[in-house]
PDB file of N, CA and C in Angstrom:
ATOM      1  N   MET A   1      28.544  14.926 -46.293  1.00  0.00           N
ATOM      2  CA  MET A   1      27.362  14.297 -45.927  1.00  0.00           C
ATOM      3  C   MET A   1      27.935  12.742 -45.750  1.00  0.00           C
ATOM      4  N   ASP A   2      27.946  12.203 -46.620  1.00  0.00           N
ATOM      5  CA  ASP A   2      27.702  10.709 -47.100  1.00  0.00           C
ATOM      6  C   ASP A   2      28.310  10.124 -45.711  1.00  0.00           C
ATOM      7  N   GLY A   3      29.700  10.688 -45.837  1.00  0.00           N
ATOM      8  CA  GLY A   3      30.915  10.218 -44.732  1.00  0.00           C
ATOM      9  C   GLY A   3      30.438  10.761 -43.608  1.00  0.00           C
ATOM     10  N   ILE A   4      29.659  11.608 -43.247  1.00  0.00           N
ATOM     11  CA  ILE A   4      29.532  11.577 -41.534  1.00  0.00           C
ATOM     12  C   ILE A   4      28.694  10.704 -41.397  1.00  0.00           C
ATOM     13  N   GLY A   5      27.632  10.961 -42.506  1.00  0.00           N
ATOM     14  CA  GLY A   5      26.582   9.888 -41.864  1.00  0.00           C
ATOM     15  C   GLY A   5      26.691   8.212 -41.729  1.00  0.00           C
ATOM     16  N   SER A   6      27.958   8.121 -42.805  1.00  0.00           N
ATOM     17  CA  SER A   6      28.078   6.671 -42.541  1.00  0.00           C
ATOM     18  C   SER A   6      29.029   6.425 -41.045  1.00  0.00           C
ATOM     19  N   THR A   7      29.499   7.191 -40.807  1.00  0.00           N
ATOM     20  CA  THR A   7      30.553   7.220 -39.510  1.00  0.00           C
ATOM     21  C   THR A   7      29.466   7.229 -38.348  1.00  0.00           C
ATOM     22  N   SER A   8      28.521   8.278 -37.991  1.00  0.00           N
ATOM     23  CA  SER A   8      27.437   8.423 -37.028  1.00  0.00           C
ATOM     24  C   SER A   8      26.818   6.838 -37.300  1.00  0.00           C
ATOM     25  N   ARG A   9      26.087   6.048 -38.686  1.00  0.00           N
ATOM     26  CA  ARG A   9      25.639   4.860 -38.590  1.00  0.00           C
ATOM     27  C   ARG A   9      26.607   4.237 -37.407  1.00  0.00           C
ATOM     28  N   GLN A  10      27.550   3.950 -38.674  1.00  0.00           N
ATOM     29  CA  GLN A  10      28.242   3.126 -37.654  1.00  0.00           C
ATOM     30  C   GLN A  10      28.693   3.156 -35.898  1.00  0.00           C
ATOM     31  N   ARG A  11      28.722   4.410 -35.451  1.00  0.00           N
ATOM     32  CA  ARG A  11      28.721   4.994 -34.014  1.00  0.00           C
ATOM     33  C   ARG A  11      27.290   3.978 -33.867  1.00  0.00           C
ATOM     34  N   ARG A  12      26.499   4.392 -34.169  1.00  0.00           N
ATOM     35  CA  ARG A  12      25.015   4.388 -33.480  1.00  0.00           C
ATOM     36  C   ARG A  12      24.000   2.684 -33.677  1.00  0.00           C
ATOM     37  N   SER A  13      25.443   2.038 -34.676  1.00  0.00           N
ATOM     38  CA  SER A  13      25.102   0.257 -34.630  1.00  0.00           C
ATOM     39  C   SER A  13      25.582  -0.708 -33.868  1.00  0.00           C
ATOM     40  N   PRO A  14      26.808  -0.190 -32.914  1.00  0.00           N
ATOM     41  CA  PRO A  14      27.142  -0.561 -31.776  1.00  0.00           C
ATOM     42  C   PRO A  14      26.822  -0.800 -30.529  1.00  0.00           C
ATOM     43  N   GLU A  15      25.813   0.356 -30.196  1.00  0.00           N
ATOM     44  CA  GLU A  15      25.349   0.841 -29.251  1.00  0.00           C
ATOM     45  C   GLU A  15      23.851  -0.060 -29.363  1.00  0.00           C
ATOM     46  N   LEU A  16      23.255   0.147 -30.718  1.00  0.00           N
ATOM     47  CA  LEU A  16      22.117  -0.937 -30.498  1.00  0.00           C
ATOM     48  C   LEU A  16      22.463  -2.050 -30.153  1.00  0.00           C
ATOM     49  N   VAL A  17      23.305  -2.667 -30.672  1.00  0.00           N
ATOM     50  CA  VAL A  17      23.669  -3.734 -30.491  1.00  0.00           C
ATOM     51  C   VAL A  17      23.753  -3.820 -28.876  1.00  0.00           C
ATOM     52  N   ARG A  18      24.493  -3.575 -28.205  1.00  0.00           N
ATOM     53  CA  ARG A  18      24.691  -3.412 -26.947  1.00  0.00           C
ATOM     54  C   ARG A  18      24.065  -3.147 -26.397  1.00  0.00           C
ATOM     55  N   ARG A  19      22.919  -2.479 -26.604  1.00  0.00           N
ATOM     56  CA  ARG A  19      21.710  -1.851 -25.476  1.00  0.00           C
ATOM     57  C   ARG A  19      21.042  -2.917 -24.987  1.00  0.00           C
ATOM     58  N   PRO A  20      20.408  -3.701 -25.622  1.00  0.00           N
ATOM     59  CA  PRO A  20      19.617  -4.569 -25.046  1.00  0.00           C
ATOM     60  C   PRO A  20      20.434  -5.821 -24.129  1.00  0.00           C
ATOM     61  N   ASN A  21      21.447  -5.967 -24.609  1.00  0.00           N
ATOM     62  CA  ASN A  21      22.286  -6.869 -23.389  1.00  0.00           C
ATOM     63  C   ASN A  21      22.783  -6.567 -22.995  1.00  0.00           C
ATOM     64  N   ALA A  22      22.922  -4.706 -22.118  1.00  0.00           N
ATOM     65  CA  ALA A  22      22.955  -4.149 -21.293  1.00  0.00           C
ATOM     66  C   ALA A  22      21.808  -3.866 -20.430  1.00  0.00           C
ATOM     67  N   ALA A  23      20.579  -3.894 -20.851  1.00  0.00           N
ATOM     68  CA  ALA A  23      19.316  -3.662 -20.388  1.00  0.00           C
ATOM     69  C   ALA A  23      19.286  -4.903 -20.070  1.00  0.00           C
ATOM     70  N   LYS A  24      19.428  -6.125 -20.229  1.00  0.00           N
ATOM     71  CA  LYS A  24      18.946  -7.246 -20.316  1.00  0.00           C
ATOM     72  C   LYS A  24      19.908  -7.726 -18.701  1.00  0.00           C
ATOM     73  N   ARG A  25      21.285  -7.466 -18.889  1.00  0.00           N
ATOM     74  CA  ARG A  25      21.792  -7.396 -17.498  1.00  0.00           C
ATOM     75  C   ARG A  25      21.488  -6.331 -16.355  1.00  0.00           C
ATOM     76  N   HIS A  26      21.299  -5.514 -16.992  1.00  0.00           N
ATOM     77  CA  HIS A  26      20.860  -4.332 -15.956  1.00  0.00           C
ATOM     78  C   HIS A  26      19.459  -4.395 -15.417  1.00  0.00           C
ATOM     79  N   LEU A  27      18.701  -5.493 -16.194  1.00  0.00           N
ATOM     80  CA  LEU A  27      17.003  -6.044 -15.405  1.00  0.00           C
ATOM     81  C   LEU A  27      17.341  -7.325 -14.425  1.00  0.00           C
ATOM     82  N   GLN A  28      18.123  -8.138 -14.907  1.00  0.00           N
ATOM     83  CA  GLN A  28      18.714  -9.228 -14.268  1.00  0.00           C
ATOM     84  C   GLN A  28      18.928  -8.362 -13.020  1.00  0.00           C
ATOM     85  N   GLN A  29      20.017  -8.015 -13.071  1.00  0.00           N
ATOM     86  CA  GLN A  29      20.925  -7.477 -11.796  1.00  0.00           C
ATOM     87  C   GLN A  29      19.713  -6.978 -10.880  1.00  0.00           C
ATOM     88  N   ARG A  30      18.823  -6.050 -11.499  1.00  0.00           N
ATOM     89  CA  ARG A  30      17.643  -5.560 -10.572  1.00  0.00           C
ATOM     90  C   ARG A  30      16.580  -6.896  -9.967  1.00  0.00           C
ATOM     91  N   GLN A  31      16.546  -7.638 -10.477  1.00  0.00           N
ATOM     92  CA  GLN A  31      15.475  -8.624 -10.146  1.00  0.00           C
ATOM     93  C   GLN A  31      16.354  -9.448  -9.586  1.00  0.00           C
ATOM     94  N   GLN A  32      17.852  -9.942  -9.087  1.00  0.00           N
ATOM     95  CA  GLN A  32      18.391 -10.370  -8.278  1.00  0.00           C
ATOM     96  C   GLN A  32      18.442 -10.134  -6.550  1.00  0.00           C
ATOM     97  N   GLU A  33      19.050  -8.445  -6.909  1.00  0.00           N
ATOM     98  CA  GLU A  33      18.420  -7.442  -6.021  1.00  0.00           C
ATOM     99  C   GLU A  33      17.116  -7.348  -5.124  1.00  0.00           C
ATOM    100  N   ALA A  34      16.382  -7.580  -5.968  1.00  0.00           N
ATOM    101  CA  ALA A  34      14.942  -7.685  -5.642  1.00  0.00           C
ATOM    102  C   ALA A  34      14.585  -8.476  -4.449  1.00  0.00           C
ATOM    103  N   ASP A  35      15.119  -9.508  -5.796  1.00  0.00           N
ATOM    104  CA  ASP A  35      14.182 -11.214  -4.657  1.00  0.00           C
ATOM    105  C   ASP A  35      15.397 -11.326  -3.501  1.00  0.00           C
ATOM    106  N   PHE A  36      16.929 -10.765  -3.467  1.00  0.00           N
ATOM    107  CA  PHE A  36      17.746 -10.993  -2.243  1.00  0.00           C
ATOM    108  C   PHE A  36      17.164 -10.239  -1.020  1.00  0.00           C
ATOM    109  N   ASN A  37      16.474  -9.030  -1.786  1.00  0.00           N
ATOM    110  CA  ASN A  37      16.137  -7.666  -0.641  1.00  0.00           C
ATOM    111  C   ASN A  37      14.566  -8.634   0.003  1.00  0.00           C
ATOM    112  N   ASP A  38      13.698  -9.049  -0.727  1.00  0.00           N
ATOM    113  CA  ASP A  38      12.342  -9.544  -0.234  1.00  0.00           C
ATOM    114  C   ASP A  38      13.048 -10.649   0.132  1.00  0.00           C
ATOM    115  N   ARG A  39      13.695 -11.838   0.278  1.00  0.00           N
ATOM    116  CA  ARG A  39      14.052 -12.826   0.709  1.00  0.00           C
ATOM    117  C   ARG A  39      14.488 -12.316   2.118  1.00  0.00           C
ATOM    118  N   LYS A  40      15.830 -11.750   1.903  1.00  0.00           N
ATOM    119  CA  LYS A  40      15.659 -10.969   3.544  1.00  0.00           C
ATOM    120  C   LYS A  40      15.089 -10.621   4.893  1.00  0.00           C
ATOM    121  N   VAL A  41      14.106  -9.120   3.849  1.00  0.00           N
ATOM    122  CA  VAL A  41      13.091  -8.396   4.871  1.00  0.00           C
ATOM    123  C   VAL A  41      11.947 -10.071   5.033  1.00  0.00           C
ATOM    124  N   ILE A  42      11.660 -10.723   4.144  1.00  0.00           N
ATOM    125  CA  ILE A  42      10.611 -11.581   4.648  1.00  0.00           C
ATOM    126  C   ILE A  42      11.650 -12.359   6.043  1.00  0.00           C
ATOM    127  N   ALA A  43      12.623 -12.929   5.662  1.00  0.00           N
ATOM    128  CA  ALA A  43      13.326 -13.702   6.510  1.00  0.00           C
ATOM    129  C   ALA A  43      13.349 -12.961   8.243  1.00  0.00           C
ATOM    130  N   SER A  44      13.800 -11.323   8.119  1.00  0.00           N
ATOM    131  CA  SER A  44      14.322 -10.934   9.044  1.00  0.00           C
ATOM    132  C   SER A  44      12.994  -9.939   9.707  1.00  0.00           C
ATOM    133  N   THR A  45      11.507  -9.979   9.146  1.00  0.00           N
ATOM    134  CA  THR A  45      10.608  -9.388  10.190  1.00  0.00           C
ATOM    135  C   THR A  45       9.515 -11.130  10.495  1.00  0.00           C
ATOM    136  N   TYR A  46       9.691 -11.674   9.627  1.00  0.00           N
ATOM    137  CA  TYR A  46       8.354 -12.694   9.828  1.00  0.00           C
ATOM    138  C   TYR A  46       8.767 -13.545  10.907  1.00  0.00           C
ATOM    139  N   PHE A  47       9.845 -13.494  11.666  1.00  0.00           N
ATOM    140  CA  PHE A  47      10.321 -14.273  12.786  1.00  0.00           C
ATOM    141  C   PHE A  47      11.422 -14.173  13.255  1.00  0.00           C
ATOM    142  N   SER A  48      11.893 -13.603  14.655  1.00  0.00           N
ATOM    143  CA  SER A  48      12.799 -13.492  14.895  1.00  0.00           C
ATOM    144  C   SER A  48      13.429 -14.795  15.493  1.00  0.00           C
ATOM    145  N   ILE A  49      14.724 -14.704  15.697  1.00  0.00           N
ATOM    146  CA  ILE A  49      15.405 -15.449  16.719  1.00  0.00           C
ATOM    147  C   ILE A  49      14.716 -16.442  17.736  1.00  0.00           C
ATOM    148  N   GLY A  50      14.208 -15.428  18.615  1.00  0.00           N
ATOM    149  CA  GLY A  50      13.584 -15.813  19.989  1.00  0.00           C
ATOM    150  C   GLY A  50      12.409 -16.845  19.402  1.00  0.00           C
ATOM    151  N   ALA A  51      10.909 -15.603  18.574  1.00  0.00           N
ATOM    152  CA  ALA A  51      10.343 -15.988  18.307  1.00  0.00           C
ATOM    153  C   ALA A  51      10.435 -17.576  17.316  1.00  0.00           C
ATOM    154  N   PHE A  52      11.355 -18.042  16.435  1.00  0.00           N
ATOM    155  CA  PHE A  52      11.358 -19.253  16.077  1.00  0.00           C
ATOM    156  C   PHE A  52      11.525 -20.195  17.448  1.00  0.00           C
ATOM    157  N   LEU A  53      12.801 -19.709  17.762  1.00  0.00           N
ATOM    158  CA  LEU A  53      13.186 -20.530  19.183  1.00  0.00           C
ATOM    159  C   LEU A  53      11.483 -20.876  20.462  1.00  0.00           C
ATOM    160  N   VAL A  54      11.140 -20.068  19.917  1.00  0.00           N
ATOM    161  CA  VAL A  54       9.755 -20.216  20.914  1.00  0.00           C
ATOM    162  C   VAL A  54       8.487 -20.845  20.373  1.00  0.00           C
ATOM    163  N   LEU A  55       8.138 -21.231  19.388  1.00  0.00           N
ATOM    164  CA  LEU A  55       7.790 -21.871  18.561  1.00  0.00           C
ATOM    165  C   LEU A  55       8.200 -23.355  18.442  1.00  0.00           C
ATOM    166  N   ALA A  56       9.275 -23.635  17.901  1.00  0.00           N
ATOM    167  CA  ALA A  56       9.718 -24.496  17.880  1.00  0.00           C
ATOM    168  C   ALA A  56       9.494 -25.578  19.587  1.00  0.00           C
ATOM    169  N   CYS A  57      10.206 -24.699  20.522  1.00  0.00           N
ATOM    170  CA  CYS A  57       9.611 -25.580  22.110  1.00  0.00           C
ATOM    171  C   CYS A  57       8.518 -25.602  22.182  1.00  0.00           C
ATOM    172  N   LEU A  58       7.393 -24.979  22.035  1.00  0.00           N
ATOM    173  CA  LEU A  58       5.714 -25.094  21.618  1.00  0.00           C
ATOM    174  C   LEU A  58       5.732 -26.576  21.076  1.00  0.00           C
ATOM    175  N   THR A  59       6.285 -26.695  19.824  1.00  0.00           N
ATOM    176  CA  THR A  59       5.900 -27.429  19.188  1.00  0.00           C
ATOM    177  C   THR A  59       6.198 -28.829  19.887  1.00  0.00           C
ATOM    178  N   VAL A  60       7.551 -29.071  20.002  1.00  0.00           N
ATOM    179  CA  VAL A  60       8.289 -30.598  20.747  1.00  0.00           C
ATOM    180  C   VAL A  60       7.744 -30.506  22.062  1.00  0.00           C
ATOM    181  N   SER A  61       6.715 -29.406  22.915  1.00  0.00           N
ATOM    182  CA  SER A  61       6.159 -29.301  24.006  1.00  0.00           C
ATOM    183  C   SER A  61       4.869 -30.579  23.699  1.00  0.00           C
ATOM    184  N   LEU A  62       4.169 -29.724  22.802  1.00  0.00           N
ATOM    185  CA  LEU A  62       3.316 -30.494  22.109  1.00  0.00           C
ATOM    186  C   LEU A  62       2.955 -31.973  21.469  1.00  0.00           C
ATOM    187  N   LEU A  63       3.995 -32.274  21.270  1.00  0.00           N
ATOM    188  CA  LEU A  63       4.597 -33.477  20.666  1.00  0.00           C
ATOM    189  C   LEU A  63       5.035 -34.563  21.680  1.00  0.00           C
ATOM    190  N   ILE A  64       5.818 -33.980  22.618  1.00  0.00           N
ATOM    191  CA  ILE A  64       6.323 -35.022  24.025  1.00  0.00           C
ATOM    192  C   ILE A  64       5.036 -35.290  25.164  1.00  0.00           C
ATOM    193  N   LEU A  65       4.587 -33.674  25.664  1.00  0.00           N
ATOM    194  CA  LEU A  65       3.605 -34.139  26.636  1.00  0.00           C
ATOM    195  C   LEU A  65       2.974 -34.993  26.605  1.00  0.00           C
ATOM    196  N   PRO A  66       1.750 -35.109  25.682  1.00  0.00           N
ATOM    197  CA  PRO A  66       0.634 -35.934  25.532  1.00  0.00           C
ATOM    198  C   PRO A  66       1.062 -37.620  25.962  1.00  0.00           C
ATOM    199  N   LEU A  67       2.205 -37.451  25.367  1.00  0.00           N
ATOM    200  CA  LEU A  67       3.120 -39.125  25.719  1.00  0.00           C
ATOM    201  C   LEU A  67       3.347 -38.878  27.040  1.00  0.00           C
ATOM    202  N   VAL A  68       3.938 -38.373  27.719  1.00  0.00           N
ATOM    203  CA  VAL A  68       4.118 -38.505  28.719  1.00  0.00           C
ATOM    204  C   VAL A  68       2.764 -38.102  30.355  1.00  0.00           C
ATOM    205  N   LEU A  69       1.920 -37.110  29.972  1.00  0.00           N
ATOM    206  CA  LEU A  69       1.318 -36.944  30.791  1.00  0.00           C
ATOM    207  C   LEU A  69      -0.015 -38.320  30.966  1.00  0.00           C
ATOM    208  N   PRO A  70      -0.469 -38.271  31.892  1.00  0.00           N
ATOM    209  CA  PRO A  70      -1.330 -39.083  32.373  1.00  0.00           C
ATOM    210  C   PRO A  70      -2.745 -38.769  31.497  1.00  0.00           C
ATOM    211  N   PRO A  71      -4.069 -39.295  31.133  1.00  0.00           N
ATOM    212  CA  PRO A  71      -5.110 -38.480  30.565  1.00  0.00           C
ATOM    213  C   PRO A  71      -5.911 -38.046  31.505  1.00  0.00           C
ATOM    214  N   LEU A  72      -6.284 -37.004  31.404  1.00  0.00           N
ATOM    215  CA  LEU A  72      -7.454 -36.404  32.323  1.00  0.00           C
ATOM    216  C   LEU A  72      -8.934 -36.427  31.800  1.00  0.00           C
ATOM    217  N   PRO A  73      -9.335 -36.405  33.094  1.00  0.00           N
ATOM    218  CA  PRO A  73     -10.684 -36.724  33.145  1.00  0.00           C
ATOM    219  C   PRO A  73     -11.754 -35.798  31.586  1.00  0.00           C
ATOM    220  N   PRO A  74     -12.950 -35.807  31.896  1.00  0.00           N
ATOM    221  CA  PRO A  74     -13.402 -35.334  30.368  1.00  0.00           C
ATOM    222  C   PRO A  74     -14.157 -34.057  31.309  1.00  0.00           C
ATOM    223  N   PRO A  75     -14.215 -33.384  30.688  1.00  0.00           N
ATOM    224  CA  PRO A  75     -14.523 -31.634  31.337  1.00  0.00           C
ATOM    225  C   PRO A  75     -15.853 -32.112  31.725  1.00  0.00           C
ATOM    226  N   PRO A  76     -16.449 -30.674  32.292  1.00  0.00           N
ATOM    227  CA  PRO A  76     -17.824 -30.939  32.557  1.00  0.00           C
ATOM    228  C   PRO A  76     -18.736 -30.627  31.586  1.00  0.00           C
ATOM    229  N   SER A  77     -20.213 -31.406  31.451  1.00  0.00           N
ATOM    230  CA  SER A  77     -20.574 -31.288  30.191  1.00  0.00           C
ATOM    231  C   SER A  77     -21.346 -29.607  29.661  1.00  0.00           C
ATOM    232  N   LEU A  78     -21.298 -29.271  31.106  1.00  0.00           N
ATOM    233  CA  LEU A  78     -21.954 -27.651  30.416  1.00  0.00           C
ATOM    234  C   LEU A  78     -20.809 -26.852  29.652  1.00  0.00           C
ATOM    235  N   LEU A  79     -19.744 -26.812  29.986  1.00  0.00           N
ATOM    236  CA  LEU A  79     -18.453 -26.698  29.302  1.00  0.00           C
ATOM    237  C   LEU A  79     -18.127 -27.092  27.607  1.00  0.00           C
ATOM    238  N   LEU A  80     -18.863 -28.478  27.350  1.00  0.00           N
ATOM    239  CA  LEU A  80     -18.650 -29.143  26.140  1.00  0.00           C
ATOM    240  C   LEU A  80     -19.800 -27.702  25.239  1.00  0.00           C
ATOM    241  N   TRP A  81     -20.995 -27.491  25.631  1.00  0.00           N
ATOM    242  CA  TRP A  81     -21.368 -26.301  25.003  1.00  0.00           C
ATOM    243  C   TRP A  81     -21.253 -25.052  24.459  1.00  0.00           C
ATOM    244  N   LEU A  82     -20.137 -24.866  25.265  1.00  0.00           N
ATOM    245  CA  LEU A  82     -19.683 -23.435  24.868  1.00  0.00           C
ATOM    246  C   LEU A  82     -18.898 -23.233  23.389  1.00  0.00           C
ATOM    247  N   PRO A  83     -18.439 -24.298  23.054  1.00  0.00           N
ATOM    248  CA  PRO A  83     -18.041 -24.244  21.328  1.00  0.00           C
ATOM    249  C   PRO A  83     -19.473 -23.590  20.612  1.00  0.00           C
ATOM    250  N   VAL A  84     -20.261 -24.384  20.491  1.00  0.00           N
ATOM    251  CA  VAL A  84     -21.548 -24.597  20.179  1.00  0.00           C
ATOM    252  C   VAL A  84     -22.609 -23.198  20.364  1.00  0.00           C
ATOM    253  N   ALA A  85     -22.159 -22.676  21.701  1.00  0.00           N
ATOM    254  CA  ALA A  85     -23.180 -21.986  21.797  1.00  0.00           C
ATOM    255  C   ALA A  85     -22.455 -20.381  21.361  1.00  0.00           C
ATOM    256  N   LEU A  86     -21.031 -20.529  21.097  1.00  0.00           N
ATOM    257  CA  LEU A  86     -20.016 -19.252  20.171  1.00  0.00           C
ATOM    258  C   LEU A  86     -20.809 -19.319  18.245  1.00  0.00           C
ATOM    259  N   LEU A  87     -20.234 -20.363  18.228  1.00  0.00           N
ATOM    260  CA  LEU A  87     -20.444 -20.864  16.480  1.00  0.00           C
ATOM    261  C   LEU A  87     -22.312 -19.984  16.693  1.00  0.00           C
ATOM    262  N   ILE A  88     -23.412 -20.642  17.305  1.00  0.00           N
ATOM    263  CA  ILE A  88     -24.555 -20.281  16.879  1.00  0.00           C
ATOM    264  C   ILE A  88     -24.228 -18.671  17.151  1.00  0.00           C
ATOM    265  N   LEU A  89     -23.979 -17.838  18.256  1.00  0.00           N
ATOM    266  CA  LEU A  89     -23.757 -16.476  18.051  1.00  0.00           C
ATOM    267  C   LEU A  89     -22.959 -16.199  16.382  1.00  0.00           C
ATOM    268  N   LEU A  90     -21.891 -16.560  16.250  1.00  0.00           N
ATOM    269  CA  LEU A  90     -21.537 -16.162  15.148  1.00  0.00           C
ATOM    270  C   LEU A  90     -22.612 -15.937  13.794  1.00  0.00           C
ATOM    271  N   ILE A  91     -23.332 -17.152  13.872  1.00  0.00           N
ATOM    272  CA  ILE A  91     -24.457 -17.464  12.832  1.00  0.00           C
ATOM    273  C   ILE A  91     -25.224 -16.204  12.736  1.00  0.00           C
ATOM    274  N   VAL A  92     -26.080 -16.515  14.379  1.00  0.00           N
ATOM    275  CA  VAL A  92     -26.910 -15.478  13.896  1.00  0.00           C
ATOM    276  C   VAL A  92     -26.265 -13.970  13.449  1.00  0.00           C
ATOM    277  N   LEU A  93     -25.660 -13.303  14.385  1.00  0.00           N
ATOM    278  CA  LEU A  93     -24.245 -12.281  13.795  1.00  0.00           C
ATOM    279  C   LEU A  93     -24.413 -11.925  11.979  1.00  0.00           C
ATOM    280  N   ALA A  94     -23.724 -12.910  11.551  1.00  0.00           N
ATOM    281  CA  ALA A  94     -23.729 -13.290  10.145  1.00  0.00           C
ATOM    282  C   ALA A  94     -24.767 -12.665   9.447  1.00  0.00           C
ATOM    283  N   PHE A  95     -25.673 -12.957   9.689  1.00  0.00           N
ATOM    284  CA  PHE A  95     -27.041 -13.166   9.094  1.00  0.00           C
ATOM    285  C   PHE A  95     -27.682 -12.062   9.307  1.00  0.00           C
ATOM    286  N   MET A  96     -27.445 -11.559  10.181  1.00  0.00           N
ATOM    287  CA  MET A  96     -28.576 -10.311  11.022  1.00  0.00           C
ATOM    288  C   MET A  96     -28.511  -9.551  10.213  1.00  0.00           C
ATOM    289  N   PRO A  97     -29.922  -8.632   9.563  1.00  0.00           N
ATOM    290  CA  PRO A  97     -29.712  -7.393   8.958  1.00  0.00           C
ATOM    291  C   PRO A  97     -29.104  -6.314   9.967  1.00  0.00           C
ATOM    292  N   THR A  98     -28.642  -5.042   8.864  1.00  0.00           N
ATOM    293  CA  THR A  98     -27.852  -3.774   9.386  1.00  0.00           C
ATOM    294  C   THR A  98     -28.274  -3.074   8.698  1.00  0.00           C
ATOM    295  N   ASP A  99     -28.753  -2.220   9.524  1.00  0.00           N
ATOM    296  CA  ASP A  99     -29.243  -0.164   9.518  1.00  0.00           C
ATOM    297  C   ASP A  99     -28.418   0.251   8.790  1.00  0.00           C
ATOM    298  N   VAL A 100     -28.355   0.302   7.559  1.00  0.00           N
ATOM    299  CA  VAL A 100     -27.468   1.286   7.201  1.00  0.00           C
ATOM    300  C   VAL A 100     -27.352   2.882   7.303  1.00  0.00           C
ATOM    301  N   LYS A 101     -28.499   3.205   7.403  1.00  0.00           N
ATOM    302  CA  LYS A 101     -28.740   4.454   8.103  1.00  0.00           C
ATOM    303  C   LYS A 101     -28.668   4.956   9.481  1.00  0.00           C
ATOM    304  N   SER A 102     -28.475   4.044  10.001  1.00  0.00           N
ATOM    305  CA  SER A 102     -27.787   4.345  11.288  1.00  0.00           C
ATOM    306  C   SER A 102     -26.284   4.162  11.648  1.00  0.00           C
ATOM    307  N   MET A 103     -25.441   3.664  10.640  1.00  0.00           N
ATOM    308  CA  MET A 103     -24.108   3.140  10.368  1.00  0.00           C
ATOM    309  C   MET A 103     -23.268   4.898  10.188  1.00  0.00           C
ATOM    310  N   ALA A 104     -22.791   4.828  10.893  1.00  0.00           N
ATOM    311  CA  ALA A 104     -21.483   6.571  10.847  1.00  0.00           C
ATOM    312  C   ALA A 104     -20.298   6.419  10.051  1.00  0.00           C
ATOM    313  N   SER A 105     -20.856   6.713   8.732  1.00  0.00           N
ATOM    314  CA  SER A 105     -19.648   6.564   7.790  1.00  0.00           C
ATOM    315  C   SER A 105     -20.390   8.425   6.887  1.00  0.00           C
ATOM    316  N   SER A 106     -18.472   8.120   5.996  1.00  0.00           N
ATOM    317  CA  SER A 106     -18.662   9.751   5.745  1.00  0.00           C
ATOM    318  C   SER A 106     -18.616   9.785   4.012  1.00  0.00           C
ATOM    319  N   TYR A 107     -18.605   8.425   3.899  1.00  0.00           N
ATOM    320  CA  TYR A 107     -18.399   8.312   2.494  1.00  0.00           C
ATOM    321  C   TYR A 107     -20.646   8.485   1.771  1.00  0.00           C
ATOM    322  N   LEU A 108     -20.905   8.018   2.588  1.00  0.00           N
ATOM    323  CA  LEU A 108     -22.755   8.418   2.500  1.00  0.00           C
ATOM    324  C   LEU A 108     -23.477   9.371   2.456  1.00  0.00           C
TER     325      LEU A 108
END
């Protein structure tokens, strides 16, 4: 029995030594594949080549056109109050109380 036990221990000990290294390599390989796939997914879904070109042309035009075009006259004074009115409306809507009973929801 000791002979069988000692050979089985000898067979198991190299596996135990190799297993953590193999597991580390496997995890590192998976992480590298995941990182590559994440970069590939982000690059392919976030901006297409056409969208990138449109954004680049828009950026260049916003930088060049103000230097080339003559200055514009100021807008009418009534139009200047539009952002102020929108801000006031949003503040009123943000602090307006809501009636929870009249809201339609399935979890109440």
